[in-house]
Amino acid sequence: MTAAPTSARTGGTVPDLRAATVTQAPGPGRGPRRLTGRGIVLLVVGAVIAVVYLLPFYVAILNSFKTDEDASLHPLALPTTWTGAAFRTLFENSDFGVWTMNSVIVAVVVTLGRIFFDSLAGYALARIRFPGRQTVFALIVAVMAVPAVVLLIPKFLVINQLGMYDSYSGMIIPLLVDAAGVFIMKNFFESIPVSVEEQAKIDGAGVFRTFWSIVLPMARPAVVTITILSFQGSWNELPHFIVSASSPGLTTLTKGVASLASGALSAGNQFPIKLAAAFVMTIPVAVAFFVFQRRIMNTSDGAVKE
């Protein structure tokens, strides 16, 4: 028999680690998981919902590369002959570039404005105690319940009386603040511990400096959410632009695509042109969503626990 080695300092026996073999049992979260009957049902239901949701995009993309006759006769089939004639007609025979530029200007300015003003309003409602604070918040929640179409005529009257009709200011200023954004920011600010602001107050920072330098960077998930919703909402907005502007030079993509849907370019169904315009219009929104979705997944740092 071979004696186990002893420690030079303590004289104790040192186990021979070279001969030891550790076998670790698989944990509950390791290894492949088998689908149960309920999991299979949920998977099938999710797949069906995904197919129903993606089918219109599939039809739009395919038919935008077809001829008018092929799109009318075989809307769900692959193109008999792939062609980009619809895109050429769209870019050459319409003011698609002007529409795109107007939509970009409005969407970018509205998105930046909503991030700033919604955050300010949400922080004021969450942190600043003033008379009528709960009443103001209740009114904001009530505005969220009012259908947007109900406000179209009053919005037109106000814009016209202020001299902003048929201008960028009339298209942008009424959209700079939205009730849903204020609601989201207020709830998120209330989830941030007040203690993170105490050090800034001790150092002499005012309310705005504390908001801008301390609290707002911690609210990045909410800010990203507001960014996505604001860009998507202003990019896809149609009723407001109808009542705020009538000049062809201020036509946005939504108004332009709507005019194409009513047969503005030529007679016939013109499905490829209409669907090509809709397809191009959805690209910026999709890109913005996927880019900022990655930012949402990476904004868990900086959390504070009390």
C-alpha atoms as a PDB file:
ATOM      1  CA  MET A   1       0.000   0.000   0.000  1.00  0.00           C
ATOM      2  CA  THR A   2       1.140   3.542  -0.701  1.00  0.00           C
ATOM      3  CA  ALA A   3       0.790   6.063   2.072  1.00  0.00           C
ATOM      4  CA  ALA A   4      -1.020   9.289   1.327  1.00  0.00           C
ATOM      5  CA  PRO A   5       1.234  12.362   1.240  1.00  0.00           C
ATOM      6  CA  THR A   6       1.344  14.534   4.321  1.00  0.00           C
ATOM      7  CA  SER A   7       1.406  18.310   4.555  1.00  0.00           C
ATOM      8  CA  ALA A   8       4.773  19.797   5.480  1.00  0.00           C
ATOM      9  CA  ARG A   9       3.199  22.552   7.637  1.00  0.00           C
ATOM     10  CA  THR A  10       0.373  20.797   9.433  1.00  0.00           C
ATOM     11  CA  GLY A  11       1.385  17.187   9.219  1.00  0.00           C
ATOM     12  CA  GLY A  12      -2.120  16.319   8.058  1.00  0.00           C
ATOM     13  CA  THR A  13      -2.994  14.007   5.268  1.00  0.00           C
ATOM     14  CA  VAL A  14      -3.435  15.620   1.841  1.00  0.00           C
ATOM     15  CA  PRO A  15      -5.886  13.844  -0.452  1.00  0.00           C
ATOM     16  CA  ASP A  16      -4.610  12.720  -3.817  1.00  0.00           C
ATOM     17  CA  LEU A  17      -6.570  14.975  -6.158  1.00  0.00           C
ATOM     18  CA  ARG A  18      -5.118  13.332  -9.234  1.00  0.00           C
ATOM     19  CA  ALA A  19      -6.972  10.154  -8.526  1.00  0.00           C
ATOM     20  CA  ALA A  20     -10.240  11.828  -7.653  1.00  0.00           C
ATOM     21  CA  THR A  21     -12.990  11.890 -10.243  1.00  0.00           C
ATOM     22  CA  VAL A  22     -15.929  14.202  -9.781  1.00  0.00           C
ATOM     23  CA  THR A  23     -19.131  13.276 -11.487  1.00  0.00           C
ATOM     24  CA  GLN A  24     -21.663  16.067 -11.686  1.00  0.00           C
ATOM     25  CA  ALA A  25     -25.256  15.126 -12.179  1.00  0.00           C
ATOM     26  CA  PRO A  26     -27.047  17.098 -14.829  1.00  0.00           C
ATOM     27  CA  GLY A  27     -28.998  19.970 -13.360  1.00  0.00           C
ATOM     28  CA  PRO A  28     -32.607  20.733 -14.041  1.00  0.00           C
ATOM     29  CA  GLY A  29     -31.681  23.333 -16.688  1.00  0.00           C
ATOM     30  CA  ARG A  30     -29.090  21.264 -18.552  1.00  0.00           C
ATOM     31  CA  GLY A  31     -29.381  18.970 -21.499  1.00  0.00           C
ATOM     32  CA  PRO A  32     -32.111  18.851 -24.121  1.00  0.00           C
ATOM     33  CA  ARG A  33     -35.645  19.269 -22.926  1.00  0.00           C
ATOM     34  CA  ARG A  34     -38.414  17.079 -24.191  1.00  0.00           C
ATOM     35  CA  LEU A  35     -41.558  18.704 -25.426  1.00  0.00           C
ATOM     36  CA  THR A  36     -44.649  17.787 -23.505  1.00  0.00           C
ATOM     37  CA  GLY A  37     -48.106  17.604 -25.019  1.00  0.00           C
ATOM     38  CA  ARG A  38     -48.857  21.120 -23.820  1.00  0.00           C
ATOM     39  CA  GLY A  39     -45.599  22.405 -25.283  1.00  0.00           C
ATOM     40  CA  ILE A  40     -46.388  20.863 -28.666  1.00  0.00           C
ATOM     41  CA  VAL A  41     -49.840  22.455 -28.674  1.00  0.00           C
ATOM     42  CA  LEU A  42     -48.381  25.873 -27.808  1.00  0.00           C
ATOM     43  CA  LEU A  43     -45.733  25.456 -30.505  1.00  0.00           C
ATOM     44  CA  VAL A  44     -48.334  24.624 -33.141  1.00  0.00           C
ATOM     45  CA  VAL A  45     -50.576  27.523 -32.096  1.00  0.00           C
ATOM     46  CA  GLY A  46     -47.611  29.909 -32.183  1.00  0.00           C
ATOM     47  CA  ALA A  47     -46.608  28.668 -35.634  1.00  0.00           C
ATOM     48  CA  VAL A  48     -50.146  29.160 -36.964  1.00  0.00           C
ATOM     49  CA  ILE A  49     -50.297  32.692 -35.548  1.00  0.00           C
ATOM     50  CA  ALA A  50     -46.887  33.475 -37.077  1.00  0.00           C
ATOM     51  CA  VAL A  51     -48.020  32.230 -40.488  1.00  0.00           C
ATOM     52  CA  VAL A  52     -51.223  34.284 -40.348  1.00  0.00           C
ATOM     53  CA  TYR A  53     -49.253  37.363 -39.286  1.00  0.00           C
ATOM     54  CA  LEU A  54     -46.513  36.979 -41.899  1.00  0.00           C
ATOM     55  CA  LEU A  55     -48.766  36.005 -44.820  1.00  0.00           C
ATOM     56  CA  PRO A  56     -49.648  39.611 -45.787  1.00  0.00           C
ATOM     57  CA  PHE A  57     -45.937  40.512 -45.895  1.00  0.00           C
ATOM     58  CA  TYR A  58     -45.267  37.450 -48.020  1.00  0.00           C
ATOM     59  CA  VAL A  59     -48.024  38.462 -50.455  1.00  0.00           C
ATOM     60  CA  ALA A  60     -46.840  42.075 -50.569  1.00  0.00           C
ATOM     61  CA  ILE A  61     -43.222  41.190 -51.309  1.00  0.00           C
ATOM     62  CA  LEU A  62     -44.046  38.591 -53.962  1.00  0.00           C
ATOM     63  CA  ASN A  63     -46.608  40.713 -55.796  1.00  0.00           C
ATOM     64  CA  SER A  64     -44.353  43.763 -55.872  1.00  0.00           C
ATOM     65  CA  PHE A  65     -42.063  41.819 -58.229  1.00  0.00           C
ATOM     66  CA  LYS A  66     -44.879  40.707 -60.564  1.00  0.00           C
ATOM     67  CA  THR A  67     -46.613  42.200 -63.532  1.00  0.00           C
ATOM     68  CA  ASP A  68     -50.069  43.659 -63.017  1.00  0.00           C
ATOM     69  CA  GLU A  69     -51.736  40.726 -64.790  1.00  0.00           C
ATOM     70  CA  ASP A  70     -49.762  38.100 -62.873  1.00  0.00           C
ATOM     71  CA  ALA A  71     -50.540  39.752 -59.518  1.00  0.00           C
ATOM     72  CA  SER A  72     -54.262  39.871 -60.326  1.00  0.00           C
ATOM     73  CA  LEU A  73     -54.514  36.248 -61.500  1.00  0.00           C
ATOM     74  CA  HIS A  74     -52.098  34.529 -59.101  1.00  0.00           C
ATOM     75  CA  PRO A  75     -51.679  36.663 -55.956  1.00  0.00           C
ATOM     76  CA  LEU A  76     -50.377  33.830 -53.739  1.00  0.00           C
ATOM     77  CA  ALA A  77     -48.089  32.119 -56.253  1.00  0.00           C
ATOM     78  CA  LEU A  78     -44.480  32.880 -57.033  1.00  0.00           C
ATOM     79  CA  PRO A  79     -43.966  35.383 -59.858  1.00  0.00           C
ATOM     80  CA  THR A  80     -44.088  33.855 -63.310  1.00  0.00           C
ATOM     81  CA  THR A  81     -41.470  36.398 -64.331  1.00  0.00           C
ATOM     82  CA  TRP A  82     -39.562  38.379 -61.720  1.00  0.00           C
ATOM     83  CA  THR A  83     -39.537  42.071 -62.630  1.00  0.00           C
ATOM     84  CA  GLY A  84     -38.732  45.361 -60.909  1.00  0.00           C
ATOM     85  CA  ALA A  85     -40.982  47.416 -63.186  1.00  0.00           C
ATOM     86  CA  ALA A  86     -43.233  48.391 -60.274  1.00  0.00           C
ATOM     87  CA  PHE A  87     -40.299  49.891 -58.358  1.00  0.00           C
ATOM     88  CA  ARG A  88     -39.063  51.774 -61.430  1.00  0.00           C
ATOM     89  CA  THR A  89     -42.535  53.204 -62.042  1.00  0.00           C
ATOM     90  CA  LEU A  90     -42.825  54.134 -58.379  1.00  0.00           C
ATOM     91  CA  PHE A  91     -39.514  56.000 -58.245  1.00  0.00           C
ATOM     92  CA  GLU A  92     -39.667  57.589 -61.710  1.00  0.00           C
ATOM     93  CA  ASN A  93     -43.343  58.507 -62.127  1.00  0.00           C
ATOM     94  CA  SER A  94     -44.228  59.662 -58.622  1.00  0.00           C
ATOM     95  CA  ASP A  95     -42.889  62.011 -55.943  1.00  0.00           C
ATOM     96  CA  PHE A  96     -41.760  59.096 -53.810  1.00  0.00           C
ATOM     97  CA  GLY A  97     -38.506  60.848 -52.903  1.00  0.00           C
ATOM     98  CA  VAL A  98     -40.366  63.925 -51.648  1.00  0.00           C
ATOM     99  CA  TRP A  99     -42.743  61.763 -49.651  1.00  0.00           C
ATOM    100  CA  THR A 100     -39.862  59.897 -48.077  1.00  0.00           C
ATOM    101  CA  MET A 101     -38.003  63.077 -47.159  1.00  0.00           C
ATOM    102  CA  ASN A 102     -41.086  64.577 -45.508  1.00  0.00           C
ATOM    103  CA  SER A 103     -41.706  61.398 -43.536  1.00  0.00           C
ATOM    104  CA  VAL A 104     -38.071  61.260 -42.400  1.00  0.00           C
ATOM    105  CA  ILE A 105     -38.118  64.891 -41.234  1.00  0.00           C
ATOM    106  CA  VAL A 106     -41.384  64.508 -39.343  1.00  0.00           C
ATOM    107  CA  ALA A 107     -40.538  61.122 -37.824  1.00  0.00           C
ATOM    108  CA  VAL A 108     -37.060  62.137 -36.604  1.00  0.00           C
ATOM    109  CA  VAL A 109     -38.171  65.456 -35.086  1.00  0.00           C
ATOM    110  CA  VAL A 110     -41.270  63.945 -33.480  1.00  0.00           C
ATOM    111  CA  THR A 111     -39.273  61.038 -32.049  1.00  0.00           C
ATOM    112  CA  LEU A 112     -36.631  63.322 -30.505  1.00  0.00           C
ATOM    113  CA  GLY A 113     -39.322  65.639 -29.182  1.00  0.00           C
ATOM    114  CA  ARG A 114     -41.301  62.849 -27.585  1.00  0.00           C
ATOM    115  CA  ILE A 115     -38.223  61.398 -25.919  1.00  0.00           C
ATOM    116  CA  PHE A 116     -37.447  64.770 -24.343  1.00  0.00           C
ATOM    117  CA  PHE A 117     -40.913  66.044 -23.442  1.00  0.00           C
ATOM    118  CA  ASP A 118     -42.399  62.677 -22.421  1.00  0.00           C
ATOM    119  CA  SER A 119     -39.398  62.092 -20.153  1.00  0.00           C
ATOM    120  CA  LEU A 120     -39.695  65.552 -18.589  1.00  0.00           C
ATOM    121  CA  ALA A 121     -43.411  65.157 -17.970  1.00  0.00           C
ATOM    122  CA  GLY A 122     -43.008  61.624 -16.649  1.00  0.00           C
ATOM    123  CA  TYR A 123     -40.238  62.689 -14.245  1.00  0.00           C
ATOM    124  CA  ALA A 124     -42.282  65.643 -12.988  1.00  0.00           C
ATOM    125  CA  LEU A 125     -45.283  63.420 -12.296  1.00  0.00           C
ATOM    126  CA  ALA A 126     -43.132  60.759 -10.628  1.00  0.00           C
ATOM    127  CA  ARG A 127     -40.864  62.913  -8.451  1.00  0.00           C
ATOM    128  CA  ILE A 128     -42.157  66.465  -8.058  1.00  0.00           C
ATOM    129  CA  ARG A 129     -44.977  67.007  -5.578  1.00  0.00           C
ATOM    130  CA  PHE A 130     -47.320  69.769  -6.721  1.00  0.00           C
ATOM    131  CA  PRO A 131     -51.049  70.464  -6.254  1.00  0.00           C
ATOM    132  CA  GLY A 132     -53.211  68.597  -8.728  1.00  0.00           C
ATOM    133  CA  ARG A 133     -50.530  66.077  -9.676  1.00  0.00           C
ATOM    134  CA  GLN A 134     -52.892  63.110  -9.464  1.00  0.00           C
ATOM    135  CA  THR A 135     -55.554  65.018 -11.390  1.00  0.00           C
ATOM    136  CA  VAL A 136     -53.105  65.746 -14.197  1.00  0.00           C
ATOM    137  CA  PHE A 137     -52.103  62.107 -14.373  1.00  0.00           C
ATOM    138  CA  ALA A 138     -55.760  61.031 -14.404  1.00  0.00           C
ATOM    139  CA  LEU A 139     -56.415  63.384 -17.324  1.00  0.00           C
ATOM    140  CA  ILE A 140     -53.436  61.917 -19.205  1.00  0.00           C
ATOM    141  CA  VAL A 141     -54.825  58.421 -18.705  1.00  0.00           C
ATOM    142  CA  ALA A 142     -58.244  59.646 -19.848  1.00  0.00           C
ATOM    143  CA  VAL A 143     -56.739  61.064 -23.050  1.00  0.00           C
ATOM    144  CA  MET A 144     -55.374  57.607 -23.846  1.00  0.00           C
ATOM    145  CA  ALA A 145     -58.947  56.296 -23.888  1.00  0.00           C
ATOM    146  CA  VAL A 146     -60.187  58.885 -26.416  1.00  0.00           C
ATOM    147  CA  PRO A 147     -60.190  57.649 -30.044  1.00  0.00           C
ATOM    148  CA  ALA A 148     -57.838  59.712 -32.185  1.00  0.00           C
ATOM    149  CA  VAL A 149     -60.489  60.220 -34.878  1.00  0.00           C
ATOM    150  CA  VAL A 150     -62.634  62.179 -32.404  1.00  0.00           C
ATOM    151  CA  LEU A 151     -59.897  64.814 -32.101  1.00  0.00           C
ATOM    152  CA  LEU A 152     -59.349  65.385 -35.819  1.00  0.00           C
ATOM    153  CA  ILE A 153     -61.787  68.289 -36.291  1.00  0.00           C
ATOM    154  CA  PRO A 154     -60.728  70.107 -33.076  1.00  0.00           C
ATOM    155  CA  LYS A 155     -57.102  69.560 -34.064  1.00  0.00           C
ATOM    156  CA  PHE A 156     -57.711  71.076 -37.495  1.00  0.00           C
ATOM    157  CA  LEU A 157     -59.466  74.110 -35.981  1.00  0.00           C
ATOM    158  CA  VAL A 158     -56.635  74.739 -33.517  1.00  0.00           C
ATOM    159  CA  ILE A 159     -53.911  74.323 -36.144  1.00  0.00           C
ATOM    160  CA  ASN A 160     -55.754  76.648 -38.522  1.00  0.00           C
ATOM    161  CA  GLN A 161     -56.346  79.308 -35.859  1.00  0.00           C
ATOM    162  CA  LEU A 162     -52.679  79.289 -34.857  1.00  0.00           C
ATOM    163  CA  GLY A 163     -51.593  79.804 -38.446  1.00  0.00           C
ATOM    164  CA  MET A 164     -49.746  76.492 -38.645  1.00  0.00           C
ATOM    165  CA  TYR A 165     -51.888  74.844 -41.296  1.00  0.00           C
ATOM    166  CA  ASP A 166     -50.036  73.479 -44.322  1.00  0.00           C
ATOM    167  CA  SER A 167     -46.602  73.757 -42.699  1.00  0.00           C
ATOM    168  CA  TYR A 168     -44.055  71.541 -40.977  1.00  0.00           C
ATOM    169  CA  SER A 169     -44.924  73.149 -37.637  1.00  0.00           C
ATOM    170  CA  GLY A 170     -48.550  72.082 -37.977  1.00  0.00           C
ATOM    171  CA  MET A 171     -47.474  68.561 -38.864  1.00  0.00           C
ATOM    172  CA  ILE A 172     -44.882  68.224 -36.090  1.00  0.00           C
ATOM    173  CA  ILE A 173     -45.809  70.292 -33.015  1.00  0.00           C
ATOM    174  CA  PRO A 174     -49.141  68.532 -32.196  1.00  0.00           C
ATOM    175  CA  LEU A 175     -47.294  65.186 -32.200  1.00  0.00           C
ATOM    176  CA  LEU A 176     -44.373  66.175 -29.928  1.00  0.00           C
ATOM    177  CA  VAL A 177     -46.048  64.798 -26.777  1.00  0.00           C
ATOM    178  CA  ASP A 178     -48.269  61.760 -26.386  1.00  0.00           C
ATOM    179  CA  ALA A 179     -50.120  60.480 -23.354  1.00  0.00           C
ATOM    180  CA  ALA A 180     -48.871  56.899 -23.688  1.00  0.00           C
ATOM    181  CA  GLY A 181     -45.246  58.037 -23.609  1.00  0.00           C
ATOM    182  CA  VAL A 182     -45.787  60.122 -20.472  1.00  0.00           C
ATOM    183  CA  PHE A 183     -47.534  57.163 -18.841  1.00  0.00           C
ATOM    184  CA  ILE A 184     -44.643  54.797 -19.656  1.00  0.00           C
ATOM    185  CA  MET A 185     -41.950  57.195 -18.451  1.00  0.00           C
ATOM    186  CA  LYS A 186     -43.770  58.032 -15.209  1.00  0.00           C
ATOM    187  CA  ASN A 187     -44.167  54.377 -14.278  1.00  0.00           C
ATOM    188  CA  PHE A 188     -40.522  53.628 -15.070  1.00  0.00           C
ATOM    189  CA  PHE A 189     -39.198  56.601 -13.083  1.00  0.00           C
ATOM    190  CA  GLU A 190     -41.237  55.482 -10.087  1.00  0.00           C
ATOM    191  CA  SER A 191     -39.452  52.106 -10.205  1.00  0.00           C
ATOM    192  CA  ILE A 192     -36.044  53.801  -9.769  1.00  0.00           C
ATOM    193  CA  PRO A 193     -35.077  54.160  -6.074  1.00  0.00           C
ATOM    194  CA  VAL A 194     -35.070  57.731  -4.788  1.00  0.00           C
ATOM    195  CA  SER A 195     -31.728  57.060  -3.082  1.00  0.00           C
ATOM    196  CA  VAL A 196     -29.862  57.283  -6.405  1.00  0.00           C
ATOM    197  CA  GLU A 197     -30.770  60.982  -6.563  1.00  0.00           C
ATOM    198  CA  GLU A 198     -29.780  61.860  -3.017  1.00  0.00           C
ATOM    199  CA  GLN A 199     -26.049  62.034  -3.716  1.00  0.00           C
ATOM    200  CA  ALA A 200     -26.639  64.396  -6.647  1.00  0.00           C
ATOM    201  CA  LYS A 201     -28.734  66.651  -4.416  1.00  0.00           C
ATOM    202  CA  ILE A 202     -26.000  66.625  -1.760  1.00  0.00           C
ATOM    203  CA  ASP A 203     -23.506  67.722  -4.420  1.00  0.00           C
ATOM    204  CA  GLY A 204     -25.754  70.657  -5.269  1.00  0.00           C
ATOM    205  CA  ALA A 205     -27.368  69.388  -8.485  1.00  0.00           C
ATOM    206  CA  GLY A 206     -30.724  70.895  -9.315  1.00  0.00           C
ATOM    207  CA  VAL A 207     -33.847  69.067 -10.412  1.00  0.00           C
ATOM    208  CA  PHE A 208     -33.094  69.216 -14.134  1.00  0.00           C
ATOM    209  CA  ARG A 209     -29.421  68.263 -13.668  1.00  0.00           C
ATOM    210  CA  THR A 210     -30.452  65.278 -11.537  1.00  0.00           C
ATOM    211  CA  PHE A 211     -33.019  64.255 -14.128  1.00  0.00           C
ATOM    212  CA  TRP A 212     -30.684  64.673 -17.100  1.00  0.00           C
ATOM    213  CA  SER A 213     -27.446  63.238 -15.656  1.00  0.00           C
ATOM    214  CA  ILE A 214     -28.626  60.649 -13.143  1.00  0.00           C
ATOM    215  CA  VAL A 215     -32.157  59.411 -13.718  1.00  0.00           C
ATOM    216  CA  LEU A 216     -32.587  59.595 -17.498  1.00  0.00           C
ATOM    217  CA  PRO A 217     -29.508  57.399 -18.277  1.00  0.00           C
ATOM    218  CA  MET A 218     -30.959  54.761 -15.960  1.00  0.00           C
ATOM    219  CA  ALA A 219     -34.236  54.857 -17.884  1.00  0.00           C
ATOM    220  CA  ARG A 220     -32.707  53.647 -21.148  1.00  0.00           C
ATOM    221  CA  PRO A 221     -35.123  50.700 -21.557  1.00  0.00           C
ATOM    222  CA  ALA A 222     -38.087  53.066 -21.301  1.00  0.00           C
ATOM    223  CA  VAL A 223     -36.402  55.603 -23.600  1.00  0.00           C
ATOM    224  CA  VAL A 224     -35.767  52.910 -26.204  1.00  0.00           C
ATOM    225  CA  THR A 225     -39.411  51.842 -25.940  1.00  0.00           C
ATOM    226  CA  ILE A 226     -40.541  55.439 -26.478  1.00  0.00           C
ATOM    227  CA  THR A 227     -38.155  55.723 -29.427  1.00  0.00           C
ATOM    228  CA  ILE A 228     -39.592  52.678 -31.166  1.00  0.00           C
ATOM    229  CA  LEU A 229     -43.223  53.627 -30.519  1.00  0.00           C
ATOM    230  CA  SER A 230     -42.705  57.270 -31.477  1.00  0.00           C
ATOM    231  CA  PHE A 231     -40.868  56.545 -34.713  1.00  0.00           C
ATOM    232  CA  GLN A 232     -43.345  53.876 -35.749  1.00  0.00           C
ATOM    233  CA  GLY A 233     -46.346  56.015 -34.826  1.00  0.00           C
ATOM    234  CA  SER A 234     -45.169  59.188 -36.585  1.00  0.00           C
ATOM    235  CA  TRP A 235     -43.927  57.255 -39.622  1.00  0.00           C
ATOM    236  CA  ASN A 236     -47.270  55.487 -40.060  1.00  0.00           C
ATOM    237  CA  GLU A 237     -49.452  58.482 -39.099  1.00  0.00           C
ATOM    238  CA  LEU A 238     -52.110  59.395 -41.662  1.00  0.00           C
ATOM    239  CA  PRO A 239     -55.205  61.159 -40.218  1.00  0.00           C
ATOM    240  CA  HIS A 240     -53.185  63.947 -38.597  1.00  0.00           C
ATOM    241  CA  PHE A 241     -51.327  64.715 -41.826  1.00  0.00           C
ATOM    242  CA  ILE A 242     -54.611  64.856 -43.719  1.00  0.00           C
ATOM    243  CA  VAL A 243     -55.976  67.623 -41.468  1.00  0.00           C
ATOM    244  CA  SER A 244     -52.690  69.495 -40.989  1.00  0.00           C
ATOM    245  CA  ALA A 245     -51.402  69.903 -44.566  1.00  0.00           C
ATOM    246  CA  SER A 246     -52.679  69.847 -48.136  1.00  0.00           C
ATOM    247  CA  SER A 247     -49.697  71.009 -50.203  1.00  0.00           C
ATOM    248  CA  PRO A 248     -48.185  68.339 -52.507  1.00  0.00           C
ATOM    249  CA  GLY A 249     -44.748  69.382 -51.285  1.00  0.00           C
ATOM    250  CA  LEU A 250     -45.683  68.335 -47.728  1.00  0.00           C
ATOM    251  CA  THR A 251     -47.110  64.942 -48.645  1.00  0.00           C
ATOM    252  CA  THR A 252     -45.772  62.130 -46.472  1.00  0.00           C
ATOM    253  CA  LEU A 253     -45.355  58.489 -47.387  1.00  0.00           C
ATOM    254  CA  THR A 254     -48.645  57.501 -45.812  1.00  0.00           C
ATOM    255  CA  LYS A 255     -50.577  60.095 -47.832  1.00  0.00           C
ATOM    256  CA  GLY A 256     -48.651  59.235 -50.986  1.00  0.00           C
ATOM    257  CA  VAL A 257     -49.222  55.507 -50.653  1.00  0.00           C
ATOM    258  CA  ALA A 258     -52.899  56.182 -49.927  1.00  0.00           C
ATOM    259  CA  SER A 259     -53.114  58.173 -53.170  1.00  0.00           C
ATOM    260  CA  LEU A 260     -51.528  55.246 -55.011  1.00  0.00           C
ATOM    261  CA  ALA A 261     -54.111  52.924 -53.517  1.00  0.00           C
ATOM    262  CA  SER A 262     -56.817  55.111 -55.045  1.00  0.00           C
ATOM    263  CA  GLY A 263     -55.236  54.811 -58.500  1.00  0.00           C
ATOM    264  CA  ALA A 264     -53.229  58.023 -58.732  1.00  0.00           C
ATOM    265  CA  LEU A 265     -50.646  56.813 -61.257  1.00  0.00           C
ATOM    266  CA  SER A 266     -52.699  54.956 -63.846  1.00  0.00           C
ATOM    267  CA  ALA A 267     -55.768  52.865 -64.469  1.00  0.00           C
ATOM    268  CA  GLY A 268     -56.113  49.196 -63.595  1.00  0.00           C
ATOM    269  CA  ASN A 269     -55.478  47.373 -60.384  1.00  0.00           C
ATOM    270  CA  GLN A 270     -51.782  48.312 -60.212  1.00  0.00           C
ATOM    271  CA  PHE A 271     -51.232  45.879 -57.339  1.00  0.00           C
ATOM    272  CA  PRO A 272     -47.440  45.637 -57.862  1.00  0.00           C
ATOM    273  CA  ILE A 273     -46.942  49.414 -57.607  1.00  0.00           C
ATOM    274  CA  LYS A 274     -49.105  49.752 -54.520  1.00  0.00           C
ATOM    275  CA  LEU A 275     -47.467  46.800 -52.785  1.00  0.00           C
ATOM    276  CA  ALA A 276     -43.984  47.939 -53.811  1.00  0.00           C
ATOM    277  CA  ALA A 277     -44.658  51.289 -52.134  1.00  0.00           C
ATOM    278  CA  ALA A 278     -45.971  49.570 -49.012  1.00  0.00           C
ATOM    279  CA  PHE A 279     -42.956  47.239 -48.945  1.00  0.00           C
ATOM    280  CA  VAL A 280     -40.420  50.085 -49.214  1.00  0.00           C
ATOM    281  CA  MET A 281     -42.325  52.048 -46.597  1.00  0.00           C
ATOM    282  CA  THR A 282     -42.065  49.271 -44.007  1.00  0.00           C
ATOM    283  CA  ILE A 283     -38.281  48.869 -44.312  1.00  0.00           C
ATOM    284  CA  PRO A 284     -37.233  51.837 -42.075  1.00  0.00           C
ATOM    285  CA  VAL A 285     -39.654  50.834 -39.336  1.00  0.00           C
ATOM    286  CA  ALA A 286     -38.436  47.218 -39.397  1.00  0.00           C
ATOM    287  CA  VAL A 287     -34.784  48.293 -39.314  1.00  0.00           C
ATOM    288  CA  ALA A 288     -35.393  50.705 -36.426  1.00  0.00           C
ATOM    289  CA  PHE A 289     -37.228  48.024 -34.465  1.00  0.00           C
ATOM    290  CA  PHE A 290     -34.515  45.396 -34.795  1.00  0.00           C
ATOM    291  CA  VAL A 291     -31.700  47.872 -34.074  1.00  0.00           C
ATOM    292  CA  PHE A 292     -33.300  49.208 -30.903  1.00  0.00           C
ATOM    293  CA  GLN A 293     -34.480  45.754 -29.855  1.00  0.00           C
ATOM    294  CA  ARG A 294     -30.827  44.812 -29.409  1.00  0.00           C
ATOM    295  CA  ARG A 295     -30.354  47.926 -27.312  1.00  0.00           C
ATOM    296  CA  ILE A 296     -33.250  46.853 -25.070  1.00  0.00           C
ATOM    297  CA  MET A 297     -31.584  43.492 -24.452  1.00  0.00           C
ATOM    298  CA  ASN A 298     -28.321  45.196 -23.440  1.00  0.00           C
ATOM    299  CA  THR A 299     -29.704  47.771 -21.010  1.00  0.00           C
ATOM    300  CA  SER A 300     -29.799  45.710 -17.816  1.00  0.00           C
ATOM    301  CA  ASP A 301     -26.601  47.308 -16.472  1.00  0.00           C
ATOM    302  CA  GLY A 302     -26.739  50.054 -13.925  1.00  0.00           C
ATOM    303  CA  ALA A 303     -29.600  48.598 -11.910  1.00  0.00           C
ATOM    304  CA  VAL A 304     -29.773  49.670  -8.287  1.00  0.00           C
ATOM    305  CA  LYS A 305     -31.092  47.511  -5.491  1.00  0.00           C
ATOM    306  CA  GLU A 306     -32.350  48.757  -2.170  1.00  0.00           C
END
